[in-house]
Amino acid sequence: RYTQPTKFGKYFDFISDRFIALLLMFQLFWHLQDYYVLITMALMLITHSLNLLTKFNNHSLYTRTIIVIGLFISPLWSGFLILIYLVVGIISLYSLTLQFHRFLSSLHGRYS
């Protein structure tokens, strides 16, 4: 490969992927009319914003594929829609926990 990934391309890819995931979650909210989906969307937004603000030093798990597969399978069982946002919420909380752990460990290393 002759070229290297650019910084703009890295950020553009990250933002476009997360925007698609948020739009799919908004579609889920529009269909279910359940405010827990909005809470899940807020958790996703916080998780990925922290990852973006730290210039990708904090790792987060991505949920776009889970959302797409879940929406594809959801016509088979309507309860699958609820399962989608619950799983996405759990993954977002896990990612936030990992980011918080990394932040605390960096503070501990700095002040010890």
Protein backbone atom coordinates (compact mmCIF):
# COMPACT_ATOMS: atom_id res chain seq x y z
CA ARG A 1 0.00 0.00 0.00
CA TYR A 2 1.45 3.32 -1.06
CA THR A 3 -0.61 5.65 1.10
CA GLN A 4 -1.27 5.77 4.79
CA PRO A 5 -4.65 6.46 6.41
CA THR A 6 -5.11 10.15 7.02
CA LYS A 7 -6.23 11.70 10.26
CA PHE A 8 -9.28 13.15 8.50
CA GLY A 9 -10.20 9.74 7.11
CA LYS A 10 -9.92 8.13 10.53
CA TYR A 11 -12.19 10.73 12.13
CA PHE A 12 -14.61 10.74 9.19
CA ASP A 13 -14.98 6.95 9.33
CA PHE A 14 -15.52 7.01 13.08
CA ILE A 15 -18.13 9.79 12.96
CA SER A 16 -20.03 8.37 9.99
CA ASP A 17 -20.24 4.90 11.55
CA ARG A 18 -21.51 6.28 14.85
CA PHE A 19 -23.97 8.57 13.09
CA ILE A 20 -25.46 5.58 11.25
CA ALA A 21 -25.79 3.70 14.55
CA LEU A 22 -27.53 6.69 16.16
CA LEU A 23 -29.91 7.01 13.21
CA LEU A 24 -30.80 3.33 13.46
CA MET A 25 -31.41 3.72 17.19
CA PHE A 26 -33.60 6.75 16.46
CA GLN A 27 -35.57 4.59 14.03
CA LEU A 28 -35.97 2.06 16.83
CA PHE A 29 -37.18 4.82 19.14
CA TRP A 30 -39.63 6.04 16.50
CA HIS A 31 -41.08 2.55 16.18
CA LEU A 32 -41.21 1.62 19.90
CA GLN A 33 -41.92 5.07 21.40
CA ASP A 34 -39.95 3.97 24.47
CA TYR A 35 -37.81 6.54 26.25
CA TYR A 36 -35.31 3.87 27.32
CA VAL A 37 -34.07 3.91 23.74
CA LEU A 38 -33.22 7.59 24.21
CA ILE A 39 -31.25 6.71 27.36
CA THR A 40 -29.37 4.08 25.38
CA MET A 41 -28.68 6.62 22.64
CA ALA A 42 -27.34 9.06 25.24
CA LEU A 43 -25.03 6.36 26.64
CA MET A 44 -23.80 5.60 23.11
CA LEU A 45 -23.20 9.28 22.45
CA ILE A 46 -21.28 9.78 25.70
CA THR A 47 -19.18 6.66 25.15
CA HIS A 48 -18.16 7.55 21.62
CA SER A 49 -17.70 11.24 22.41
CA LEU A 50 -15.20 10.34 25.11
CA ASN A 51 -13.40 8.09 22.67
CA LEU A 52 -13.31 10.92 20.14
CA LEU A 53 -12.17 13.53 22.67
CA THR A 54 -9.28 11.38 23.84
CA LYS A 55 -8.13 10.93 20.22
CA PHE A 56 -8.98 7.20 20.25
CA ASN A 57 -6.83 6.47 23.33
CA ASN A 58 -9.85 5.07 25.16
CA HIS A 59 -11.30 2.04 23.49
CA SER A 60 -15.00 1.51 23.05
CA LEU A 61 -17.00 -1.34 21.63
CA TYR A 62 -18.96 -0.60 18.48
CA THR A 63 -22.58 -1.57 18.14
CA ARG A 64 -23.57 -0.72 14.58
CA THR A 65 -23.33 -4.33 13.37
CA ILE A 66 -25.43 -5.57 16.29
CA ILE A 67 -28.10 -2.98 15.53
CA VAL A 68 -28.21 -3.80 11.81
CA ILE A 69 -28.38 -7.57 12.37
CA GLY A 70 -31.02 -7.10 15.06
CA LEU A 71 -33.19 -4.91 12.84
CA PHE A 72 -32.82 -7.44 10.04
CA ILE A 73 -34.01 -10.30 12.28
CA SER A 74 -36.69 -8.28 14.13
CA PRO A 75 -39.61 -9.12 11.77
CA LEU A 76 -39.37 -12.72 13.01
CA TRP A 77 -40.01 -11.74 16.64
CA SER A 78 -41.15 -8.29 17.76
CA GLY A 79 -39.50 -8.68 21.17
CA PHE A 80 -36.16 -8.62 19.42
CA LEU A 81 -36.45 -4.82 19.09
CA ILE A 82 -36.36 -4.47 22.86
CA LEU A 83 -33.46 -6.89 23.06
CA ILE A 84 -31.50 -4.72 20.58
CA TYR A 85 -31.50 -1.58 22.68
CA LEU A 86 -30.91 -3.52 25.89
CA VAL A 87 -27.80 -5.17 24.41
CA VAL A 88 -26.60 -1.85 22.98
CA GLY A 89 -27.11 -0.22 26.38
CA ILE A 90 -25.15 -2.97 28.13
CA ILE A 91 -22.31 -2.68 25.63
CA SER A 92 -22.25 1.11 26.04
CA LEU A 93 -22.14 0.79 29.83
CA TYR A 94 -19.33 -1.75 29.55
CA SER A 95 -17.39 0.59 27.26
CA LEU A 96 -17.90 3.49 29.67
CA THR A 97 -16.66 1.29 32.51
CA LEU A 98 -13.53 0.42 30.53
CA GLN A 99 -12.93 4.08 29.75
CA PHE A 100 -13.40 5.04 33.41
CA HIS A 101 -11.02 2.27 34.49
CA ARG A 102 -8.40 3.48 32.05
CA PHE A 103 -8.85 7.05 33.30
CA LEU A 104 -8.45 5.98 36.94
CA SER A 105 -5.41 3.85 36.16
CA SER A 106 -3.78 6.78 34.36
CA LEU A 107 -4.44 8.98 37.40
CA HIS A 108 -3.01 6.33 39.70
CA GLY A 109 0.11 6.04 37.56
CA ARG A 110 0.50 9.80 37.48
CA TYR A 111 0.19 10.36 41.24
CA SER A 112 1.91 7.29 42.67
